[in-house]
């Protein structure tokens, strides 16, 4: 998930540099959504691991 967020962020930067504003905005939006999903899944997994460790 993080890999795709980074890829779309790079696409956004390159598209913005080349003057493709709309494409840059779309790619940046996709990168933000993917990064947010990654963070949420990471936090859930982290809380699950902490819960398992705490129960042991």
Foldseek 3Di string as FASTA:
>chain_A
DLVQLVVLQVVLVVCVVVPNNVSNVVSNVVSVVVVVVVVVVVVVVVVVVVVVVVVD
